[in-house]
Amino acid sequence: MNTTQRLTVRSGGGALYVIAVWQGMAPYTDRVRAVSAHIDPERGEECLAIDVDDVCASQLYLVAAALNQSLLPMTATVERSPAAGYAPA
């Protein structure tokens, strides 16, 4: 497959539930290429970007949908990771 997809999860400051994200990613942890966490104090936002190799976007869309439908105050999106290596979201 040789594609890299990125799951990006954003939340308000202090509301990023990393454990919930990793529970959703459990089937794909062996394919994680890179992880990046960012805090934007001006916007009061936290962001976790996870790049995974050789996982179909449709599988990550299911993870994102589960996070978006949960009661947790997070927003998850899936996109193709930049082709030229890892770059933070």
C-alpha atoms as a PDB file:
ATOM      1  CA  MET A   1       0.000   0.000   0.000  1.00  0.00           C
ATOM      2  CA  ASN A   2       2.880   2.394   0.889  1.00  0.00           C
ATOM      3  CA  THR A   3       0.692   5.320   1.920  1.00  0.00           C
ATOM      4  CA  THR A   4       0.849   7.408   5.030  1.00  0.00           C
ATOM      5  CA  GLN A   5      -2.337   8.769   6.533  1.00  0.00           C
ATOM      6  CA  ARG A   6      -2.601  11.290   9.369  1.00  0.00           C
ATOM      7  CA  LEU A   7      -5.145  11.209  12.153  1.00  0.00           C
ATOM      8  CA  THR A   8      -5.352  14.658  13.729  1.00  0.00           C
ATOM      9  CA  VAL A   9      -7.245  15.176  16.962  1.00  0.00           C
ATOM     10  CA  ARG A  10      -7.919  18.673  18.314  1.00  0.00           C
ATOM     11  CA  SER A  11      -9.519  19.888  21.508  1.00  0.00           C
ATOM     12  CA  GLY A  12      -9.752  22.861  23.795  1.00  0.00           C
ATOM     13  CA  GLY A  13      -6.930  23.294  26.266  1.00  0.00           C
ATOM     14  CA  GLY A  14      -6.841  20.486  28.814  1.00  0.00           C
ATOM     15  CA  ALA A  15      -9.480  18.411  27.019  1.00  0.00           C
ATOM     16  CA  LEU A  16      -7.378  16.185  24.763  1.00  0.00           C
ATOM     17  CA  TYR A  17      -8.084  12.633  25.923  1.00  0.00           C
ATOM     18  CA  VAL A  18      -4.954  10.883  24.702  1.00  0.00           C
ATOM     19  CA  ILE A  19      -5.980   7.519  26.193  1.00  0.00           C
ATOM     20  CA  ALA A  20      -9.186   7.501  24.131  1.00  0.00           C
ATOM     21  CA  VAL A  21      -7.196   8.300  20.991  1.00  0.00           C
ATOM     22  CA  TRP A  22      -4.734   5.453  21.607  1.00  0.00           C
ATOM     23  CA  GLN A  23      -7.573   3.038  22.402  1.00  0.00           C
ATOM     24  CA  GLY A  24      -9.002   3.789  18.967  1.00  0.00           C
ATOM     25  CA  MET A  25      -5.588   3.413  17.374  1.00  0.00           C
ATOM     26  CA  ALA A  26      -4.787   0.103  19.139  1.00  0.00           C
ATOM     27  CA  PRO A  27      -5.125  -2.079  16.006  1.00  0.00           C
ATOM     28  CA  TYR A  28      -2.649   0.132  14.142  1.00  0.00           C
ATOM     29  CA  THR A  29       0.038   0.938  16.740  1.00  0.00           C
ATOM     30  CA  ASP A  30       2.596  -1.202  14.941  1.00  0.00           C
ATOM     31  CA  ARG A  31       2.175   1.052  11.898  1.00  0.00           C
ATOM     32  CA  VAL A  32       2.623   4.399  13.634  1.00  0.00           C
ATOM     33  CA  ARG A  33       5.320   6.354  11.857  1.00  0.00           C
ATOM     34  CA  ALA A  34       5.342   9.579  13.868  1.00  0.00           C
ATOM     35  CA  VAL A  35       3.459  11.382  16.603  1.00  0.00           C
ATOM     36  CA  SER A  36       3.420  15.090  17.253  1.00  0.00           C
ATOM     37  CA  ALA A  37       1.659  17.040  20.003  1.00  0.00           C
ATOM     38  CA  HIS A  38       1.168  20.794  19.910  1.00  0.00           C
ATOM     39  CA  ILE A  39      -0.380  23.376  22.191  1.00  0.00           C
ATOM     40  CA  ASP A  40      -1.557  26.720  20.844  1.00  0.00           C
ATOM     41  CA  PRO A  41      -1.972  28.921  23.937  1.00  0.00           C
ATOM     42  CA  GLU A  42      -3.335  31.857  21.925  1.00  0.00           C
ATOM     43  CA  ARG A  43      -6.228  29.796  20.559  1.00  0.00           C
ATOM     44  CA  GLY A  44      -6.474  27.590  23.649  1.00  0.00           C
ATOM     45  CA  GLU A  45      -6.171  24.457  21.504  1.00  0.00           C
ATOM     46  CA  GLU A  46      -4.301  21.171  21.821  1.00  0.00           C
ATOM     47  CA  CYS A  47      -3.482  18.987  18.825  1.00  0.00           C
ATOM     48  CA  LEU A  48      -2.222  15.434  18.446  1.00  0.00           C
ATOM     49  CA  ALA A  49      -1.136  14.302  14.964  1.00  0.00           C
ATOM     50  CA  ILE A  50      -0.463  10.608  14.355  1.00  0.00           C
ATOM     51  CA  ASP A  51       1.014   9.437  11.047  1.00  0.00           C
ATOM     52  CA  VAL A  52       0.437   5.771  10.205  1.00  0.00           C
ATOM     53  CA  ASP A  53       1.839   3.785   7.302  1.00  0.00           C
ATOM     54  CA  ASP A  54      -0.108   1.314   5.195  1.00  0.00           C
ATOM     55  CA  VAL A  55      -3.502   1.775   6.830  1.00  0.00           C
ATOM     56  CA  CYS A  56      -6.443   2.564   4.574  1.00  0.00           C
ATOM     57  CA  ALA A  57      -7.981   5.967   5.112  1.00  0.00           C
ATOM     58  CA  SER A  58     -11.358   4.259   5.551  1.00  0.00           C
ATOM     59  CA  GLN A  59     -10.042   2.454   8.637  1.00  0.00           C
ATOM     60  CA  LEU A  60      -8.803   5.708  10.139  1.00  0.00           C
ATOM     61  CA  TYR A  61     -12.117   7.378   9.244  1.00  0.00           C
ATOM     62  CA  LEU A  62     -13.778   4.826  11.523  1.00  0.00           C
ATOM     63  CA  VAL A  63     -11.424   5.791  14.362  1.00  0.00           C
ATOM     64  CA  ALA A  64     -12.100   9.486  13.712  1.00  0.00           C
ATOM     65  CA  ALA A  65     -15.863   8.909  13.556  1.00  0.00           C
ATOM     66  CA  ALA A  66     -15.817   7.080  16.891  1.00  0.00           C
ATOM     67  CA  LEU A  67     -13.889   9.941  18.509  1.00  0.00           C
ATOM     68  CA  ASN A  68     -16.187  12.547  16.956  1.00  0.00           C
ATOM     69  CA  GLN A  69     -19.311  10.691  18.106  1.00  0.00           C
ATOM     70  CA  SER A  70     -18.063  10.226  21.658  1.00  0.00           C
ATOM     71  CA  LEU A  71     -19.042  12.584  24.426  1.00  0.00           C
ATOM     72  CA  LEU A  72     -15.446  13.766  24.642  1.00  0.00           C
ATOM     73  CA  PRO A  73     -14.866  17.355  23.449  1.00  0.00           C
ATOM     74  CA  MET A  74     -12.515  16.467  20.590  1.00  0.00           C
ATOM     75  CA  THR A  75     -12.559  16.790  16.813  1.00  0.00           C
ATOM     76  CA  ALA A  76     -10.773  14.143  14.729  1.00  0.00           C
ATOM     77  CA  THR A  77      -9.895  14.321  11.029  1.00  0.00           C
ATOM     78  CA  VAL A  78      -8.025  12.105   8.581  1.00  0.00           C
ATOM     79  CA  GLU A  79      -5.865  13.308   5.740  1.00  0.00           C
ATOM     80  CA  ARG A  80      -3.010  12.093   3.601  1.00  0.00           C
ATOM     81  CA  SER A  81       0.241  12.841   5.354  1.00  0.00           C
ATOM     82  CA  PRO A  82       2.733  15.079   3.534  1.00  0.00           C
ATOM     83  CA  ALA A  83       4.657  12.958   1.023  1.00  0.00           C
ATOM     84  CA  ALA A  84       8.067  14.425   1.854  1.00  0.00           C
ATOM     85  CA  GLY A  85       8.487  13.088   5.379  1.00  0.00           C
ATOM     86  CA  TYR A  86       6.737  14.071   8.536  1.00  0.00           C
ATOM     87  CA  ALA A  87       5.565  17.598   9.120  1.00  0.00           C
ATOM     88  CA  PRO A  88       3.500  18.608  12.155  1.00  0.00           C
ATOM     89  CA  ALA A  89      -0.148  19.501  11.614  1.00  0.00           C
END
